[in-house]
Amino acid sequence: MSELNMISAFRLLQAADDFKARLSGTFAAVHGISVNEYFLLLHLKQAEKNRLPRVELARRLHVSASTITRMVAPMEKIGLVDRGTGERDARMALVVLTDTGAEKLSEAQATFEDHACYLFEDRWSESEIDQLSTLLGRLVSGAPGNLT
């Protein structure tokens, strides 16, 4: 069973890397954002008031707070996100989704959906995709900011 677990984990990582690599080229060429920037925008869109503290974004994206700071700087310059402060603590640095960022996210979501359809539709039945989604959901059930 240990070898099967290891093989399954390798295949999961390989499939995720392959999908992300295919998506990266399209996102950069068509939308001018990276896959990680897409996920950052998606987390902001799903957050209350479309804003999150930088440290929470770092936790959700599994990166350091300094990586979030480096990611957000160019996104601020092109108007996808803005800076905010906490309502109770003005020292808390928030990242806020702008209208421009929400529009870019909407455009990129259509591309993501197209790639997801291409990934599954010609290989798997709808019930198999549903079963895979359920199983993967169990893997990430405790993840911070679980995207659905």
Protein backbone atom coordinates (compact mmCIF):
# COMPACT_ATOMS: atom_id res chain seq x y z
CA MET A 1 0.00 0.00 0.00
CA SER A 2 2.88 2.38 0.71
CA GLU A 3 4.14 2.13 -2.87
CA LEU A 4 0.62 2.78 -4.22
CA ASN A 5 0.35 5.88 -2.01
CA MET A 6 3.70 7.12 -3.28
CA ILE A 7 2.80 6.51 -6.92
CA SER A 8 -0.55 8.24 -6.44
CA ALA A 9 1.11 11.26 -4.83
CA PHE A 10 3.66 11.47 -7.67
CA ARG A 11 0.90 11.28 -10.27
CA LEU A 12 -1.13 13.94 -8.48
CA LEU A 13 1.85 16.31 -8.42
CA GLN A 14 2.71 15.54 -12.04
CA ALA A 15 -0.87 16.17 -13.18
CA ALA A 16 -1.05 19.44 -11.24
CA ASP A 17 2.29 20.62 -12.63
CA ASP A 18 1.30 19.71 -16.17
CA PHE A 19 -2.03 21.54 -15.91
CA LYS A 20 -0.41 24.59 -14.34
CA ALA A 21 2.27 24.71 -17.06
CA ARG A 22 -0.33 24.61 -19.85
CA LEU A 23 -2.39 27.28 -18.11
CA SER A 24 0.62 29.52 -17.43
CA GLY A 25 1.36 30.16 -21.08
CA THR A 26 -2.22 31.07 -21.90
CA PHE A 27 -2.67 33.26 -18.83
CA ALA A 28 0.52 35.19 -19.60
CA ALA A 29 -0.20 35.59 -23.30
CA VAL A 30 -3.92 36.32 -23.13
CA HIS A 31 -4.45 37.92 -19.72
CA GLY A 32 -1.02 39.21 -18.71
CA ILE A 33 -1.12 37.48 -15.32
CA SER A 34 0.44 34.37 -13.83
CA VAL A 35 -1.45 31.39 -12.45
CA ASN A 36 -0.43 32.44 -8.91
CA GLU A 37 -1.79 35.94 -9.53
CA TYR A 38 -5.03 34.36 -10.77
CA PHE A 39 -5.32 32.37 -7.54
CA LEU A 40 -4.57 35.50 -5.49
CA LEU A 41 -7.38 37.36 -7.28
CA LEU A 42 -9.70 34.37 -6.80
CA HIS A 43 -9.04 34.28 -3.05
CA LEU A 44 -9.75 38.01 -2.83
CA LYS A 45 -12.99 37.62 -4.82
CA GLN A 46 -14.23 34.94 -2.43
CA ALA A 47 -13.22 36.85 0.72
CA GLU A 48 -15.54 39.04 2.73
CA LYS A 49 -15.50 42.57 1.26
CA ASN A 50 -13.02 41.29 -1.38
CA ARG A 51 -10.06 41.91 0.91
CA LEU A 52 -7.61 39.82 2.90
CA PRO A 53 -4.57 40.49 5.08
CA ARG A 54 -1.27 39.79 3.34
CA VAL A 55 -0.40 37.10 5.89
CA GLU A 56 -3.70 35.31 5.18
CA LEU A 57 -3.05 35.41 1.44
CA ALA A 58 0.40 33.96 2.11
CA ARG A 59 -1.14 31.15 4.14
CA ARG A 60 -3.73 30.38 1.48
CA LEU A 61 -1.22 30.42 -1.38
CA HIS A 62 1.40 28.48 0.62
CA VAL A 63 4.05 31.18 0.19
CA SER A 64 5.81 33.62 2.50
CA ALA A 65 4.43 37.05 3.36
CA SER A 66 7.37 38.61 1.53
CA THR A 67 6.41 36.67 -1.61
CA ILE A 68 2.92 38.17 -1.37
CA THR A 69 4.46 41.62 -1.06
CA ARG A 70 6.53 41.00 -4.22
CA MET A 71 3.51 39.59 -6.08
CA VAL A 72 1.19 42.42 -5.11
CA ALA A 73 3.48 45.34 -6.04
CA PRO A 74 3.16 44.96 -9.85
CA MET A 75 -0.52 44.06 -9.50
CA GLU A 76 -1.06 47.36 -7.68
CA LYS A 77 0.72 49.27 -10.45
CA ILE A 78 -1.65 47.95 -13.11
CA GLY A 79 -4.71 48.42 -10.90
CA LEU A 80 -5.70 44.81 -10.18
CA VAL A 81 -5.42 45.24 -6.41
CA ASP A 82 -5.14 48.09 -3.97
CA ARG A 83 -3.85 48.52 -0.44
CA GLY A 84 -6.16 48.71 2.50
CA THR A 85 -5.96 48.80 6.28
CA GLY A 86 -7.83 46.88 8.91
CA GLU A 87 -10.98 48.41 10.34
CA ARG A 88 -9.91 47.71 13.91
CA ASP A 89 -6.15 47.95 13.44
CA ALA A 90 -4.80 50.44 10.89
CA ARG A 91 -1.42 48.69 11.03
CA MET A 92 -2.89 45.59 9.36
CA ALA A 93 -1.98 45.60 5.67
CA LEU A 94 -4.81 44.35 3.48
CA VAL A 95 -4.88 43.51 -0.19
CA VAL A 96 -8.11 44.68 -1.82
CA LEU A 97 -9.56 43.50 -5.12
CA THR A 98 -10.32 46.40 -7.48
CA ASP A 99 -13.00 46.51 -10.18
CA THR A 100 -10.24 46.11 -12.76
CA GLY A 101 -8.94 43.06 -10.89
CA ALA A 102 -12.43 41.55 -10.73
CA GLU A 103 -12.82 42.06 -14.48
CA LYS A 104 -9.42 40.46 -15.18
CA LEU A 105 -10.38 37.55 -12.93
CA SER A 106 -13.65 37.06 -14.79
CA GLU A 107 -11.81 36.95 -18.13
CA ALA A 108 -9.21 34.54 -16.76
CA GLN A 109 -11.91 32.30 -15.25
CA ALA A 110 -13.30 31.68 -18.73
CA THR A 111 -9.84 30.56 -19.84
CA PHE A 112 -9.48 28.37 -16.75
CA GLU A 113 -12.84 26.76 -17.47
CA ASP A 114 -11.86 26.08 -21.09
CA HIS A 115 -8.62 24.41 -19.98
CA ALA A 116 -10.43 22.37 -17.31
CA CYS A 117 -12.93 21.14 -19.91
CA TYR A 118 -10.11 20.19 -22.25
CA LEU A 119 -8.34 18.35 -19.41
CA PHE A 120 -11.28 16.12 -18.53
CA GLU A 121 -14.06 15.99 -21.12
CA ASP A 122 -12.47 13.81 -23.76
CA ARG A 123 -11.06 11.30 -21.28
CA TRP A 124 -13.54 10.91 -18.43
CA SER A 125 -17.27 10.59 -17.94
CA GLU A 126 -19.18 13.13 -15.87
CA SER A 127 -19.55 10.62 -13.02
CA GLU A 128 -15.78 9.95 -13.02
CA ILE A 129 -15.07 13.69 -12.88
CA ASP A 130 -17.55 14.02 -10.02
CA GLN A 131 -15.91 11.16 -8.15
CA LEU A 132 -12.43 12.66 -8.68
CA SER A 133 -13.65 16.04 -7.47
CA THR A 134 -15.10 14.46 -4.34
CA LEU A 135 -11.89 12.56 -3.60
CA LEU A 136 -9.67 15.58 -4.18
CA GLY A 137 -12.03 17.62 -2.01
CA ARG A 138 -11.30 15.23 0.85
CA LEU A 139 -7.56 15.81 0.34
CA VAL A 140 -7.88 19.59 0.67
CA SER A 141 -10.77 19.74 3.16
CA GLY A 142 -8.60 21.28 5.87
CA ALA A 143 -6.72 23.67 3.59
CA PRO A 144 -6.97 27.36 4.41
CA GLY A 145 -9.27 29.31 2.11
CA ASN A 146 -10.44 26.24 0.22
CA LEU A 147 -11.52 27.36 -3.24
CA THR A 148 -14.68 25.90 -4.66
